[in-house]
């Protein structure tokens, strides 16, 4: 069990995810022991979490060069979904669950905006789509032209794939789905694993995890925006969160998005 928990940490899963996995396995093993009349032991109860997961360490904001190297490796991998999801998360600071729950109807191409109003979570082995963690998490975020172009390219690729298999890609479909019609959201853990694979391939530091992209976004826009705009863009409930993460759509958010894209892609 400890080897399994270490593999989750190595794959980029955070402490809360590992604790949730341990909790579910503990309940299952406890029931197995109960139903066996106490014959089957509970190996989960005595298993320790890996030290680097059990201790909550500060997340470092990666440099722009590190993020660019990760994006480059993702593009070279040939998996357009992985490349695009990394670009979107780096350019917006979107949470993993929010990206997994993003639908094509949420991408407002004509307005260069993306609506974030759902999140994907795992529960009892299934993926559940729910409202984000707080009211402030529901937001509209401006997109730069480069990230928007990547989303257009992904949409075209998915439409071609759907048509070749006799499906239609519907607007309520999930942007990063691997199903032909977009009906099934990607598993949040699969996003973390894919990102960690790109980190390793790029030669970037091993302390960069998927959540690091939120810190990257917060740090990048810190000199560009007010605390209120940063709070709105990243979906924080309080301005205190803006300080914690730093290493309405008006002209300011548009300028912020354009500058983020320029620094990432030019």
Foldseek 3Di string as FASTA:
>chain_A
DQVVLVVLVLLFDALVVSVVVLVVLQVVQVVVCVVVVNPRDRPSVPHDHDPVRVDDDAAAQDDLVLLLLLLVLVVVVVQLLLSLLSVVCLLQVEDLQQLLQFFLLQCDLVQQKGWGFWGWDDDPNDIDIDGDPDPLRGAIAHAAPVSSVSLVVLVVVLQVQLVVVPHGQDRSARSSDPDSNRPGGDHSSVSFSSSQVSSVVSVHDSSDTSSSSSLNLLQLCVVQDDLVVNCNRNRHPDSVVSVSSHCVDDVSSNVSNNVSVVSNPD
